[in-house]
Amino acid sequence: MRIFSRVALVVSTTVLGLFAQAPVSVINYSGFNVNAPIAPGSIASAYGNFGTVTTTATTVASPLPNSLAGVSVRVNNRVAPLYFVSAGQINFVVPNATENGRQTVEVLNGNNVVARGTVNVWEVFPALASSDTTPTSQGIVQNQDFAINSRNARARRGEVIQVYATGCGRTNPVVTDGSAPTALSPTVARTEAFVANLPATVQFSGAHPQFPGICQVNIIIPDQPFVTGQTPVFITVGGIASNPVSVWVQ
């Protein structure tokens, strides 16, 4: 529950302010990079002036609704499952069948289109979940004992951490839009990880077992004595690097 609240429902007022003039602007949810593309199956955020009440999906697990407070989102004419809507921000899951390229995003209130924009879609574009947008931001990471990683709850060298991301691309088997997988659903594109700039073993990369749009990557921390303290971590998916985050290692 705590991991979900940090990864899936954070409202970034800093990013919101960047889009005051746009009808609708869409960004990769975890990375908060205004120039980054989004990927099929990932969580994305739409910013604009939607004139609706703040509403959150009543369940933190799947399936997600296709409409909240009468508001819906279409990506290239495909309805997107919704996590959250408000007057200025909507968090949604990009439909798996979305094609690559520049695609149209529409926000509807009932049957009426109230905002429209475009976004670049790539096959993959990984973004690690973090507590803010700084380069040394604490990653949303669980230690091997499932404690949330922090300065006071550090991972150990040689143990597994669970890193949360979005934008890892399609999985096999394919996960139904807005639903969590019913079985292990690994990412199709190859995932690699780097801890303190060292290649790290990836035990698993695939759809999160509970929360649609979230990718879970299990990484073994290299057992090297200099891997200690606040340590940078990033992944690549299909050769495309994510944003870096930091984890605490003892």
C-alpha atoms as a PDB file:
ATOM      1  CA  MET A   1       0.000   0.000   0.000  1.00  0.00           C
ATOM      2  CA  ARG A   2       2.777   2.473   0.905  1.00  0.00           C
ATOM      3  CA  ILE A   3       4.670   1.662  -2.288  1.00  0.00           C
ATOM      4  CA  PHE A   4       1.511   2.242  -4.332  1.00  0.00           C
ATOM      5  CA  SER A   5       0.777   5.582  -2.697  1.00  0.00           C
ATOM      6  CA  ARG A   6       4.293   6.773  -3.509  1.00  0.00           C
ATOM      7  CA  VAL A   7       4.435   5.462  -7.075  1.00  0.00           C
ATOM      8  CA  ALA A   8       0.942   5.799  -8.484  1.00  0.00           C
ATOM      9  CA  LEU A   9      -0.837   8.787  -6.923  1.00  0.00           C
ATOM     10  CA  VAL A  10       1.733  11.544  -6.333  1.00  0.00           C
ATOM     11  CA  VAL A  11       0.572  14.927  -7.647  1.00  0.00           C
ATOM     12  CA  SER A  12       3.555  16.968  -8.834  1.00  0.00           C
ATOM     13  CA  THR A  13       2.618  20.633  -8.499  1.00  0.00           C
ATOM     14  CA  THR A  14       6.080  21.567  -9.795  1.00  0.00           C
ATOM     15  CA  VAL A  15       5.437  19.823 -13.084  1.00  0.00           C
ATOM     16  CA  LEU A  16       1.850  21.040 -13.215  1.00  0.00           C
ATOM     17  CA  GLY A  17       3.038  24.635 -13.335  1.00  0.00           C
ATOM     18  CA  LEU A  18       5.003  23.974 -16.530  1.00  0.00           C
ATOM     19  CA  PHE A  19       1.860  23.267 -18.524  1.00  0.00           C
ATOM     20  CA  ALA A  20      -0.404  26.192 -17.687  1.00  0.00           C
ATOM     21  CA  GLN A  21      -0.691  27.262 -21.343  1.00  0.00           C
ATOM     22  CA  ALA A  22      -1.135  23.849 -23.015  1.00  0.00           C
ATOM     23  CA  PRO A  23      -4.538  22.305 -23.827  1.00  0.00           C
ATOM     24  CA  VAL A  24      -3.173  18.959 -22.645  1.00  0.00           C
ATOM     25  CA  SER A  25       0.427  17.860 -22.150  1.00  0.00           C
ATOM     26  CA  VAL A  26       1.449  14.282 -21.393  1.00  0.00           C
ATOM     27  CA  ILE A  27       4.616  13.068 -19.671  1.00  0.00           C
ATOM     28  CA  ASN A  28       6.197   9.829 -18.573  1.00  0.00           C
ATOM     29  CA  TYR A  29       4.847   9.566 -15.040  1.00  0.00           C
ATOM     30  CA  SER A  30       7.839   8.439 -12.976  1.00  0.00           C
ATOM     31  CA  GLY A  31      10.561  10.428 -14.700  1.00  0.00           C
ATOM     32  CA  PHE A  32       8.699  13.776 -14.879  1.00  0.00           C
ATOM     33  CA  ASN A  33      10.745  14.621 -17.981  1.00  0.00           C
ATOM     34  CA  VAL A  34       8.765  17.109 -20.061  1.00  0.00           C
ATOM     35  CA  ASN A  35      10.525  16.003 -23.263  1.00  0.00           C
ATOM     36  CA  ALA A  36      10.348  12.246 -22.697  1.00  0.00           C
ATOM     37  CA  PRO A  37       8.092   9.894 -24.663  1.00  0.00           C
ATOM     38  CA  ILE A  38       5.717   7.413 -23.087  1.00  0.00           C
ATOM     39  CA  ALA A  39       5.521   3.661 -23.709  1.00  0.00           C
ATOM     40  CA  PRO A  40       2.626   1.219 -24.132  1.00  0.00           C
ATOM     41  CA  GLY A  41       1.503  -0.221 -20.805  1.00  0.00           C
ATOM     42  CA  SER A  42       3.134   2.563 -18.776  1.00  0.00           C
ATOM     43  CA  ILE A  43       1.633   5.097 -16.402  1.00  0.00           C
ATOM     44  CA  ALA A  44       1.494   8.602 -17.844  1.00  0.00           C
ATOM     45  CA  SER A  45       0.206  11.944 -16.587  1.00  0.00           C
ATOM     46  CA  ALA A  46      -1.859  14.454 -18.542  1.00  0.00           C
ATOM     47  CA  TYR A  47      -1.781  18.100 -17.481  1.00  0.00           C
ATOM     48  CA  GLY A  48      -4.202  20.805 -18.522  1.00  0.00           C
ATOM     49  CA  ASN A  49      -7.453  22.482 -17.529  1.00  0.00           C
ATOM     50  CA  PHE A  50     -10.032  19.707 -17.304  1.00  0.00           C
ATOM     51  CA  GLY A  51     -12.649  21.278 -15.052  1.00  0.00           C
ATOM     52  CA  THR A  52     -13.432  18.172 -13.016  1.00  0.00           C
ATOM     53  CA  VAL A  53     -13.480  17.160  -9.375  1.00  0.00           C
ATOM     54  CA  THR A  54     -10.603  15.244  -7.834  1.00  0.00           C
ATOM     55  CA  THR A  55     -11.376  11.521  -7.917  1.00  0.00           C
ATOM     56  CA  THR A  56      -9.196   8.467  -7.298  1.00  0.00           C
ATOM     57  CA  ALA A  57      -9.867   4.908  -8.408  1.00  0.00           C
ATOM     58  CA  THR A  58     -11.675   3.230  -5.502  1.00  0.00           C
ATOM     59  CA  THR A  59      -9.369   0.216  -5.613  1.00  0.00           C
ATOM     60  CA  VAL A  60      -5.581   0.264  -5.550  1.00  0.00           C
ATOM     61  CA  ALA A  61      -5.485  -2.951  -7.533  1.00  0.00           C
ATOM     62  CA  SER A  62      -6.842  -3.983 -10.913  1.00  0.00           C
ATOM     63  CA  PRO A  63      -8.958  -3.653 -12.881  1.00  0.00           C
ATOM     64  CA  LEU A  64      -8.847   0.109 -13.160  1.00  0.00           C
ATOM     65  CA  PRO A  65     -11.905   2.023 -14.389  1.00  0.00           C
ATOM     66  CA  ASN A  66     -12.045   3.617 -17.836  1.00  0.00           C
ATOM     67  CA  SER A  67     -13.902   6.627 -16.433  1.00  0.00           C
ATOM     68  CA  LEU A  68     -13.744   8.647 -13.209  1.00  0.00           C
ATOM     69  CA  ALA A  69     -16.169  11.455 -12.358  1.00  0.00           C
ATOM     70  CA  GLY A  70     -17.428  11.227 -15.944  1.00  0.00           C
ATOM     71  CA  VAL A  71     -13.938  11.881 -17.327  1.00  0.00           C
ATOM     72  CA  SER A  72     -12.101   9.542 -19.702  1.00  0.00           C
ATOM     73  CA  VAL A  73      -8.890   9.597 -21.730  1.00  0.00           C
ATOM     74  CA  ARG A  74      -8.270   8.293 -25.243  1.00  0.00           C
ATOM     75  CA  VAL A  75      -4.817   7.632 -26.699  1.00  0.00           C
ATOM     76  CA  ASN A  76      -5.031   7.347 -30.473  1.00  0.00           C
ATOM     77  CA  ASN A  77      -8.762   6.590 -30.037  1.00  0.00           C
ATOM     78  CA  ARG A  78      -8.127   3.824 -27.468  1.00  0.00           C
ATOM     79  CA  VAL A  79      -9.684   4.274 -24.019  1.00  0.00           C
ATOM     80  CA  ALA A  80      -7.062   4.403 -21.240  1.00  0.00           C
ATOM     81  CA  PRO A  81      -7.605   2.998 -17.714  1.00  0.00           C
ATOM     82  CA  LEU A  82      -7.492   5.695 -15.030  1.00  0.00           C
ATOM     83  CA  TYR A  83      -5.830   5.955 -11.651  1.00  0.00           C
ATOM     84  CA  PHE A  84      -6.683   9.553 -10.790  1.00  0.00           C
ATOM     85  CA  VAL A  85      -8.404  12.643 -12.185  1.00  0.00           C
ATOM     86  CA  SER A  86      -8.474  16.261 -11.050  1.00  0.00           C
ATOM     87  CA  ALA A  87      -9.017  19.689 -12.566  1.00  0.00           C
ATOM     88  CA  GLY A  88      -5.372  19.892 -13.640  1.00  0.00           C
ATOM     89  CA  GLN A  89      -3.917  16.368 -13.733  1.00  0.00           C
ATOM     90  CA  ILE A  90      -4.963  12.900 -14.842  1.00  0.00           C
ATOM     91  CA  ASN A  91      -2.912   9.736 -14.228  1.00  0.00           C
ATOM     92  CA  PHE A  92      -3.666   6.943 -16.688  1.00  0.00           C
ATOM     93  CA  VAL A  93      -2.263   3.738 -18.147  1.00  0.00           C
ATOM     94  CA  VAL A  94      -1.247   3.867 -21.817  1.00  0.00           C
ATOM     95  CA  PRO A  95      -3.125   1.153 -23.760  1.00  0.00           C
ATOM     96  CA  ASN A  96      -0.874  -1.755 -24.741  1.00  0.00           C
ATOM     97  CA  ALA A  97      -1.864  -1.573 -28.400  1.00  0.00           C
ATOM     98  CA  THR A  98      -0.771   2.054 -28.797  1.00  0.00           C
ATOM     99  CA  GLU A  99       1.408   2.455 -31.876  1.00  0.00           C
ATOM    100  CA  ASN A 100       4.826   4.102 -31.928  1.00  0.00           C
ATOM    101  CA  GLY A 101       5.080   7.672 -33.172  1.00  0.00           C
ATOM    102  CA  ARG A 102       3.327  10.956 -32.476  1.00  0.00           C
ATOM    103  CA  GLN A 103      -0.119  10.094 -31.116  1.00  0.00           C
ATOM    104  CA  THR A 104      -3.184  12.113 -30.153  1.00  0.00           C
ATOM    105  CA  VAL A 105      -4.361  12.235 -26.538  1.00  0.00           C
ATOM    106  CA  GLU A 106      -7.898  13.416 -25.788  1.00  0.00           C
ATOM    107  CA  VAL A 107      -9.624  14.120 -22.483  1.00  0.00           C
ATOM    108  CA  LEU A 108     -13.387  13.701 -22.532  1.00  0.00           C
ATOM    109  CA  ASN A 109     -16.070  14.768 -20.089  1.00  0.00           C
ATOM    110  CA  GLY A 110     -18.954  12.510 -20.966  1.00  0.00           C
ATOM    111  CA  ASN A 111     -19.020  12.449 -24.768  1.00  0.00           C
ATOM    112  CA  ASN A 112     -17.412  15.868 -25.155  1.00  0.00           C
ATOM    113  CA  VAL A 113     -13.700  16.356 -25.853  1.00  0.00           C
ATOM    114  CA  VAL A 114     -12.525  19.028 -23.394  1.00  0.00           C
ATOM    115  CA  ALA A 115      -8.786  18.914 -24.111  1.00  0.00           C
ATOM    116  CA  ARG A 116      -6.540  17.535 -26.822  1.00  0.00           C
ATOM    117  CA  GLY A 117      -2.787  17.204 -27.327  1.00  0.00           C
ATOM    118  CA  THR A 118      -0.098  14.924 -28.721  1.00  0.00           C
ATOM    119  CA  VAL A 119       2.717  12.828 -27.282  1.00  0.00           C
ATOM    120  CA  ASN A 120       5.564  10.720 -28.634  1.00  0.00           C
ATOM    121  CA  VAL A 121       5.185   6.986 -28.055  1.00  0.00           C
ATOM    122  CA  TRP A 122       8.201   4.657 -28.062  1.00  0.00           C
ATOM    123  CA  GLU A 123       8.292   0.896 -27.664  1.00  0.00           C
ATOM    124  CA  VAL A 124      10.062   1.387 -24.310  1.00  0.00           C
ATOM    125  CA  PHE A 125      11.118   4.396 -22.268  1.00  0.00           C
ATOM    126  CA  PRO A 126      11.931   3.351 -18.699  1.00  0.00           C
ATOM    127  CA  ALA A 127      11.571   5.771 -15.803  1.00  0.00           C
ATOM    128  CA  LEU A 128      12.381   4.832 -12.218  1.00  0.00           C
ATOM    129  CA  ALA A 129      10.014   6.003  -9.505  1.00  0.00           C
ATOM    130  CA  SER A 130      11.575   8.503  -7.116  1.00  0.00           C
ATOM    131  CA  SER A 131      10.691  10.863  -4.301  1.00  0.00           C
ATOM    132  CA  ASP A 132      11.436  14.004  -6.356  1.00  0.00           C
ATOM    133  CA  THR A 133      13.024  15.088  -9.634  1.00  0.00           C
ATOM    134  CA  THR A 134      16.623  15.749  -8.527  1.00  0.00           C
ATOM    135  CA  PRO A 135      19.496  13.576  -9.891  1.00  0.00           C
ATOM    136  CA  THR A 136      20.191  12.118  -6.422  1.00  0.00           C
ATOM    137  CA  SER A 137      16.530  11.515  -5.591  1.00  0.00           C
ATOM    138  CA  GLN A 138      15.717   8.581  -3.332  1.00  0.00           C
ATOM    139  CA  GLY A 139      14.293   5.760  -5.426  1.00  0.00           C
ATOM    140  CA  ILE A 140      11.032   4.064  -4.504  1.00  0.00           C
ATOM    141  CA  VAL A 141      12.757   0.799  -3.628  1.00  0.00           C
ATOM    142  CA  GLN A 142      12.135  -2.130  -1.297  1.00  0.00           C
ATOM    143  CA  ASN A 143      14.915  -4.047   0.380  1.00  0.00           C
ATOM    144  CA  GLN A 144      15.084  -7.834   0.446  1.00  0.00           C
ATOM    145  CA  ASP A 145      13.139  -7.810   3.740  1.00  0.00           C
ATOM    146  CA  PHE A 146      10.465  -5.645   2.006  1.00  0.00           C
ATOM    147  CA  ALA A 147      11.313  -2.567   4.083  1.00  0.00           C
ATOM    148  CA  ILE A 148      11.192   0.666   2.073  1.00  0.00           C
ATOM    149  CA  ASN A 149      14.777   1.673   1.376  1.00  0.00           C
ATOM    150  CA  SER A 150      15.986   4.809   3.168  1.00  0.00           C
ATOM    151  CA  ARG A 151      18.951   6.196   5.085  1.00  0.00           C
ATOM    152  CA  ASN A 152      17.630   4.384   8.167  1.00  0.00           C
ATOM    153  CA  ALA A 153      16.636   1.178   6.345  1.00  0.00           C
ATOM    154  CA  ARG A 154      19.548   0.265   4.111  1.00  0.00           C
ATOM    155  CA  ALA A 155      19.968  -2.632   1.707  1.00  0.00           C
ATOM    156  CA  ARG A 156      22.907  -5.000   2.067  1.00  0.00           C
ATOM    157  CA  ARG A 157      25.477  -5.883  -0.562  1.00  0.00           C
ATOM    158  CA  GLY A 158      24.699  -9.204  -2.203  1.00  0.00           C
ATOM    159  CA  GLU A 159      20.982  -8.905  -1.442  1.00  0.00           C
ATOM    160  CA  VAL A 160      18.047  -8.199  -3.748  1.00  0.00           C
ATOM    161  CA  ILE A 161      16.291  -4.858  -4.037  1.00  0.00           C
ATOM    162  CA  GLN A 162      12.952  -4.328  -5.764  1.00  0.00           C
ATOM    163  CA  VAL A 163      13.007  -1.219  -7.941  1.00  0.00           C
ATOM    164  CA  TYR A 164       9.774   0.246  -9.288  1.00  0.00           C
ATOM    165  CA  ALA A 165       9.467   1.859 -12.681  1.00  0.00           C
ATOM    166  CA  THR A 166       7.170   2.489 -15.577  1.00  0.00           C
ATOM    167  CA  GLY A 167       7.753   2.483 -19.326  1.00  0.00           C
ATOM    168  CA  CYS A 168       9.371  -0.968 -19.505  1.00  0.00           C
ATOM    169  CA  GLY A 169       7.265  -1.838 -22.555  1.00  0.00           C
ATOM    170  CA  ARG A 170       5.262  -4.867 -23.500  1.00  0.00           C
ATOM    171  CA  THR A 171       5.303  -8.123 -21.582  1.00  0.00           C
ATOM    172  CA  ASN A 172       4.850 -11.788 -22.452  1.00  0.00           C
ATOM    173  CA  PRO A 173       2.190 -12.815 -21.753  1.00  0.00           C
ATOM    174  CA  VAL A 174       0.475  -9.529 -22.511  1.00  0.00           C
ATOM    175  CA  VAL A 175      -1.327  -7.970 -19.557  1.00  0.00           C
ATOM    176  CA  THR A 176      -4.890  -6.763 -20.121  1.00  0.00           C
ATOM    177  CA  ASP A 177      -5.157  -2.961 -20.110  1.00  0.00           C
ATOM    178  CA  GLY A 178      -5.835  -1.712 -16.591  1.00  0.00           C
ATOM    179  CA  SER A 179      -5.346  -5.108 -14.982  1.00  0.00           C
ATOM    180  CA  ALA A 180      -2.564  -6.749 -13.014  1.00  0.00           C
ATOM    181  CA  PRO A 181      -1.104  -9.993 -14.409  1.00  0.00           C
ATOM    182  CA  THR A 182      -2.561 -13.315 -13.350  1.00  0.00           C
ATOM    183  CA  ALA A 183       0.863 -14.965 -13.714  1.00  0.00           C
ATOM    184  CA  LEU A 184       4.475 -13.835 -14.064  1.00  0.00           C
ATOM    185  CA  SER A 185       4.631 -11.500 -17.051  1.00  0.00           C
ATOM    186  CA  PRO A 186       8.253 -10.596 -17.904  1.00  0.00           C
ATOM    187  CA  THR A 187       9.193  -7.671 -20.096  1.00  0.00           C
ATOM    188  CA  VAL A 188       9.870  -8.512 -23.739  1.00  0.00           C
ATOM    189  CA  ALA A 189      12.804  -6.121 -24.110  1.00  0.00           C
ATOM    190  CA  ARG A 190      16.040  -7.011 -22.313  1.00  0.00           C
ATOM    191  CA  THR A 191      16.476  -5.266 -18.959  1.00  0.00           C
ATOM    192  CA  GLU A 192      19.912  -4.505 -17.492  1.00  0.00           C
ATOM    193  CA  ALA A 193      20.772  -2.782 -14.216  1.00  0.00           C
ATOM    194  CA  PHE A 194      23.690  -0.752 -12.900  1.00  0.00           C
ATOM    195  CA  VAL A 195      24.467  -0.077  -9.241  1.00  0.00           C
ATOM    196  CA  ALA A 196      27.296   2.342  -8.445  1.00  0.00           C
ATOM    197  CA  ASN A 197      28.005   2.132 -12.210  1.00  0.00           C
ATOM    198  CA  LEU A 198      28.651  -1.620 -11.904  1.00  0.00           C
ATOM    199  CA  PRO A 199      26.610  -4.113 -13.940  1.00  0.00           C
ATOM    200  CA  ALA A 200      24.189  -5.815 -11.544  1.00  0.00           C
ATOM    201  CA  THR A 201      22.291  -9.075 -11.943  1.00  0.00           C
ATOM    202  CA  VAL A 202      18.603  -8.667 -12.816  1.00  0.00           C
ATOM    203  CA  GLN A 203      16.599 -11.514 -11.295  1.00  0.00           C
ATOM    204  CA  PHE A 204      13.276 -10.392 -12.753  1.00  0.00           C
ATOM    205  CA  SER A 205      11.826  -7.569 -14.816  1.00  0.00           C
ATOM    206  CA  GLY A 206       8.119  -7.530 -15.541  1.00  0.00           C
ATOM    207  CA  ALA A 207       4.628  -6.351 -14.704  1.00  0.00           C
ATOM    208  CA  HIS A 208       3.968  -5.683 -11.029  1.00  0.00           C
ATOM    209  CA  PRO A 209       1.689  -8.387  -9.574  1.00  0.00           C
ATOM    210  CA  GLN A 210      -0.797  -5.844  -8.173  1.00  0.00           C
ATOM    211  CA  PHE A 211      -0.584  -2.429  -9.794  1.00  0.00           C
ATOM    212  CA  PRO A 212      -1.246  -1.858 -13.527  1.00  0.00           C
ATOM    213  CA  GLY A 213       1.357   0.144 -15.405  1.00  0.00           C
ATOM    214  CA  ILE A 214       4.122  -0.458 -12.873  1.00  0.00           C
ATOM    215  CA  CYS A 215       7.189  -2.507 -13.734  1.00  0.00           C
ATOM    216  CA  GLN A 216       9.072  -4.332 -10.978  1.00  0.00           C
ATOM    217  CA  VAL A 217      12.801  -4.960 -11.425  1.00  0.00           C
ATOM    218  CA  ASN A 218      14.583  -7.212  -8.913  1.00  0.00           C
ATOM    219  CA  ILE A 219      18.297  -6.384  -8.759  1.00  0.00           C
ATOM    220  CA  ILE A 220      21.145  -7.963  -6.799  1.00  0.00           C
ATOM    221  CA  ILE A 221      23.420  -5.323  -5.264  1.00  0.00           C
ATOM    222  CA  PRO A 222      27.057  -6.032  -6.245  1.00  0.00           C
ATOM    223  CA  ASP A 223      29.052  -7.372  -3.304  1.00  0.00           C
ATOM    224  CA  GLN A 224      31.896  -4.876  -3.536  1.00  0.00           C
ATOM    225  CA  PRO A 225      33.202  -2.971  -0.488  1.00  0.00           C
ATOM    226  CA  PHE A 226      32.990   0.442  -2.172  1.00  0.00           C
ATOM    227  CA  VAL A 227      29.248  -0.021  -2.844  1.00  0.00           C
ATOM    228  CA  THR A 228      28.071   1.746   0.287  1.00  0.00           C
ATOM    229  CA  GLY A 229      26.130   4.793   1.418  1.00  0.00           C
ATOM    230  CA  GLN A 230      23.897   6.705  -0.995  1.00  0.00           C
ATOM    231  CA  THR A 231      24.392   4.745  -4.208  1.00  0.00           C
ATOM    232  CA  PRO A 232      23.179   5.509  -7.753  1.00  0.00           C
ATOM    233  CA  VAL A 233      21.008   2.972  -9.585  1.00  0.00           C
ATOM    234  CA  PHE A 234      19.619   2.983 -13.105  1.00  0.00           C
ATOM    235  CA  ILE A 235      18.313   0.425 -15.575  1.00  0.00           C
ATOM    236  CA  THR A 236      18.274   0.052 -19.330  1.00  0.00           C
ATOM    237  CA  VAL A 237      15.412  -1.560 -21.219  1.00  0.00           C
ATOM    238  CA  GLY A 238      16.040  -2.418 -24.840  1.00  0.00           C
ATOM    239  CA  GLY A 239      19.222  -0.355 -24.598  1.00  0.00           C
ATOM    240  CA  ILE A 240      17.404   2.803 -23.430  1.00  0.00           C
ATOM    241  CA  ALA A 241      18.578   4.138 -20.079  1.00  0.00           C
ATOM    242  CA  SER A 242      16.257   5.269 -17.308  1.00  0.00           C
ATOM    243  CA  ASN A 243      16.738   8.239 -15.036  1.00  0.00           C
ATOM    244  CA  PRO A 244      19.100   7.522 -12.121  1.00  0.00           C
ATOM    245  CA  VAL A 245      17.850   7.239  -8.542  1.00  0.00           C
ATOM    246  CA  SER A 246      19.687   6.573  -5.302  1.00  0.00           C
ATOM    247  CA  VAL A 247      19.438   3.739  -2.789  1.00  0.00           C
ATOM    248  CA  TRP A 248      21.083   3.420   0.608  1.00  0.00           C
ATOM    249  CA  VAL A 249      23.487   0.513   1.043  1.00  0.00           C
ATOM    250  CA  GLN A 250      25.332  -0.643   4.153  1.00  0.00           C
END
